[in-house]
Amino acid sequence: MLGNSVCKDPKLVEANDFLFSGLHIAGNTTNVVGSRVTPVFASQLRGLNTLGISMACVDIAPWGVNSPHSHPRATEICTVLEGTLEVGFITSNPENRHFCKVLHKGDVFVFLPIGLIHYQRNIGYNNVVAIAALSSQNPGAITIGNAVFGATPEIASEVLIMAFQLDKNAINYLQSKF
């Protein structure tokens, strides 16, 4: 749902509306990308409704990635709690400049402005744990590969062939992965 959730009747508000528990539990990173994002948005923590902020815990296995993605309604700032994390973002057309940095425990990096494609990659041999703070209670996430190659219904292969300068077999292969 876009925007704000329906506000709870103030007479029915309770302490649990302001609590999210579980970020101390490592996210399951046994998937194809080796990462897990645990969101703490207004949909998980009612007390965030109308505040314009949220957060997420990002767990990344050694050499795993938080795939290139964007947040259409938020800027993100990321703090590394454990591990060594490569982060990067790409500016908009026509420059498409790639800004990349290696972060260590305690380092902070901001991905800006809203909507730019960015990613994180664990470049170490230990798990990465990072906290992302976002400037929206409902930041949204568009994972680029999933959106382009996993759309339902599919984007016409002719569009993807021209956009990515690949042949139909390569496009079919990529679509089969999502």
Protein backbone atom coordinates (compact mmCIF):
# COMPACT_ATOMS: atom_id res chain seq x y z
CA MET A 1 0.00 0.00 0.00
CA LEU A 2 1.34 3.44 -0.86
CA GLY A 3 1.41 6.27 1.64
CA ASN A 4 0.22 6.01 5.20
CA SER A 5 -1.64 3.15 6.80
CA VAL A 6 -4.92 3.83 8.50
CA CYS A 7 -4.21 5.27 11.94
CA LYS A 8 -5.23 3.15 14.88
CA ASP A 9 -7.82 4.57 17.26
CA PRO A 10 -5.67 6.29 19.95
CA LYS A 11 -7.77 4.65 22.66
CA LEU A 12 -6.69 1.24 21.35
CA VAL A 13 -2.95 1.97 21.08
CA GLU A 14 -0.71 -0.25 23.19
CA ALA A 15 3.03 -0.59 23.85
CA ASN A 16 3.38 -3.41 21.30
CA ASP A 17 2.45 -0.94 18.53
CA PHE A 18 5.89 0.63 19.12
CA LEU A 19 7.93 -2.60 19.30
CA PHE A 20 9.60 -4.77 16.68
CA SER A 21 11.55 -7.72 17.98
CA GLY A 22 13.88 -10.06 16.12
CA LEU A 23 16.75 -8.15 14.55
CA HIS A 24 19.15 -10.07 16.80
CA ILE A 25 18.29 -13.23 14.81
CA ALA A 26 20.50 -13.66 11.74
CA GLY A 27 18.60 -13.61 8.46
CA ASN A 28 18.60 -16.78 6.36
CA THR A 29 21.13 -16.17 3.58
CA THR A 30 20.92 -19.64 2.00
CA ASN A 31 19.48 -18.37 -1.28
CA VAL A 32 20.87 -17.64 -4.75
CA VAL A 33 22.14 -14.16 -3.83
CA GLY A 34 23.37 -14.97 -0.31
CA SER A 35 21.50 -12.21 1.49
CA ARG A 36 18.40 -11.48 3.53
CA VAL A 37 16.81 -8.10 4.21
CA THR A 38 14.57 -7.89 7.27
CA PRO A 39 12.39 -4.80 6.89
CA VAL A 40 11.10 -2.73 9.78
CA PHE A 41 8.60 -0.59 7.90
CA ALA A 42 5.22 0.71 9.03
CA SER A 43 3.71 -2.60 7.90
CA GLN A 44 5.87 -4.42 10.48
CA LEU A 45 5.90 -1.70 13.18
CA ARG A 46 2.65 0.26 13.41
CA GLY A 47 4.25 2.99 15.50
CA LEU A 48 6.17 4.17 12.40
CA ASN A 49 2.94 5.18 10.68
CA THR A 50 3.12 8.85 9.56
CA LEU A 51 6.70 9.31 10.87
CA GLY A 52 8.46 9.13 7.49
CA ILE A 53 11.24 6.79 8.69
CA SER A 54 11.99 3.08 8.67
CA MET A 55 14.90 0.68 8.80
CA ALA A 56 16.06 -2.75 7.72
CA CYS A 57 18.64 -5.26 8.84
CA VAL A 58 20.76 -6.61 5.99
CA ASP A 59 22.49 -9.98 6.47
CA ILE A 60 24.92 -11.03 3.74
CA ALA A 61 26.86 -14.30 3.61
CA PRO A 62 30.50 -14.29 2.48
CA TRP A 63 30.62 -13.14 -1.18
CA GLY A 64 26.82 -12.69 -1.25
CA VAL A 65 25.07 -9.58 -2.55
CA ASN A 66 22.09 -7.42 -1.84
CA SER A 67 21.28 -7.21 -5.56
CA PRO A 68 21.08 -3.90 -7.42
CA HIS A 69 17.84 -2.24 -6.37
CA SER A 70 16.23 1.13 -5.75
CA HIS A 71 13.80 2.63 -3.26
CA PRO A 72 11.25 4.75 -5.13
CA ARG A 73 10.17 6.60 -1.98
CA ALA A 74 13.32 6.88 0.16
CA THR A 75 16.95 7.76 0.56
CA GLU A 76 19.01 5.14 2.42
CA ILE A 77 21.90 5.39 4.85
CA CYS A 78 23.73 2.17 5.71
CA THR A 79 25.84 1.37 8.79
CA VAL A 80 28.05 -1.73 8.93
CA LEU A 81 27.82 -3.54 12.27
CA GLU A 82 29.92 -6.59 11.32
CA GLY A 83 32.06 -7.56 8.34
CA THR A 84 33.47 -5.90 5.22
CA LEU A 85 30.98 -4.52 2.73
CA GLU A 86 31.43 -3.11 -0.76
CA VAL A 87 28.68 -0.61 -1.52
CA GLY A 88 27.89 1.34 -4.63
CA PHE A 89 25.34 3.42 -6.45
CA ILE A 90 24.92 4.64 -10.01
CA THR A 91 23.84 8.16 -10.91
CA SER A 92 21.07 8.80 -13.43
CA ASN A 93 21.38 9.06 -17.23
CA PRO A 94 23.30 10.20 -19.16
CA GLU A 95 26.33 10.06 -16.83
CA ASN A 96 25.61 6.73 -15.08
CA ARG A 97 28.56 7.35 -12.75
CA HIS A 98 29.36 4.47 -10.41
CA PHE A 99 30.34 5.47 -6.88
CA CYS A 100 31.83 2.54 -4.95
CA LYS A 101 33.42 2.20 -1.53
CA VAL A 102 34.56 -0.57 0.83
CA LEU A 103 33.09 -0.23 4.32
CA HIS A 104 34.25 -1.78 7.57
CA LYS A 105 32.61 -2.15 10.96
CA GLY A 106 31.32 1.24 12.09
CA ASP A 107 31.42 2.87 8.64
CA VAL A 108 28.37 4.69 7.28
CA PHE A 109 27.44 5.32 3.62
CA VAL A 110 24.49 7.18 2.11
CA PHE A 111 22.79 6.27 -1.18
CA LEU A 112 21.21 9.37 -2.69
CA PRO A 113 19.04 10.78 -4.06
CA ILE A 114 15.79 8.83 -3.83
CA GLY A 115 15.38 6.15 -6.47
CA LEU A 116 19.00 5.59 -7.55
CA ILE A 117 20.13 2.03 -8.19
CA HIS A 118 22.48 0.75 -5.49
CA TYR A 119 23.84 -2.51 -4.11
CA GLN A 120 25.88 -4.09 -1.33
CA ARG A 121 28.35 -7.00 -1.60
CA ASN A 122 30.13 -8.90 1.14
CA ILE A 123 33.78 -9.03 0.09
CA GLY A 124 34.99 -10.86 3.18
CA TYR A 125 35.04 -14.35 4.62
CA ASN A 126 32.67 -13.58 7.51
CA ASN A 127 29.00 -12.64 7.54
CA VAL A 128 28.04 -8.99 7.13
CA VAL A 129 25.38 -7.40 9.28
CA ALA A 130 24.31 -3.87 8.37
CA ILE A 131 21.49 -1.58 9.38
CA ALA A 132 19.83 0.56 6.74
CA ALA A 133 17.83 3.62 7.76
CA LEU A 134 15.36 4.95 5.21
CA SER A 135 13.61 8.31 4.86
CA SER A 136 10.14 6.81 4.44
CA GLN A 137 7.88 4.57 6.48
CA ASN A 138 7.16 2.74 3.21
CA PRO A 139 10.30 3.04 1.04
CA GLY A 140 9.46 0.28 -1.42
CA ALA A 141 12.13 -1.78 -3.17
CA ILE A 142 12.59 -2.51 -6.84
CA THR A 143 15.17 -5.26 -7.41
CA ILE A 144 16.37 -4.59 -10.95
CA GLY A 145 16.87 -8.18 -12.18
CA ASN A 146 13.56 -9.37 -10.72
CA ALA A 147 11.66 -6.40 -12.12
CA VAL A 148 13.08 -6.62 -15.64
CA PHE A 149 13.42 -10.39 -16.14
CA GLY A 150 10.73 -11.62 -13.74
CA ALA A 151 7.84 -9.31 -14.65
CA THR A 152 4.37 -10.86 -14.87
CA PRO A 153 3.32 -10.90 -17.61
CA GLU A 154 6.78 -10.95 -19.18
CA ILE A 155 8.21 -7.93 -20.96
CA ALA A 156 8.29 -8.74 -24.68
CA SER A 157 11.61 -10.37 -25.54
CA GLU A 158 12.00 -7.92 -28.47
CA VAL A 159 12.11 -5.04 -25.98
CA LEU A 160 14.72 -6.77 -23.82
CA ILE A 161 16.79 -7.86 -26.86
CA MET A 162 17.10 -4.24 -27.96
CA ALA A 163 17.53 -2.78 -24.46
CA PHE A 164 20.29 -5.19 -23.40
CA GLN A 165 21.77 -5.92 -26.84
CA LEU A 166 21.45 -9.68 -26.29
CA ASP A 167 20.04 -12.45 -28.45
CA LYS A 168 16.71 -14.16 -27.74
CA ASN A 169 18.39 -17.22 -26.17
CA ALA A 170 20.18 -15.04 -23.61
CA ILE A 171 16.93 -13.20 -22.78
CA ASN A 172 15.03 -16.50 -22.44
CA TYR A 173 17.77 -17.81 -20.16
CA LEU A 174 17.67 -14.69 -17.95
CA GLN A 175 13.86 -14.79 -17.77
CA SER A 176 14.02 -18.45 -16.71
CA LYS A 177 16.17 -17.46 -13.70
CA PHE A 178 13.51 -15.11 -12.31
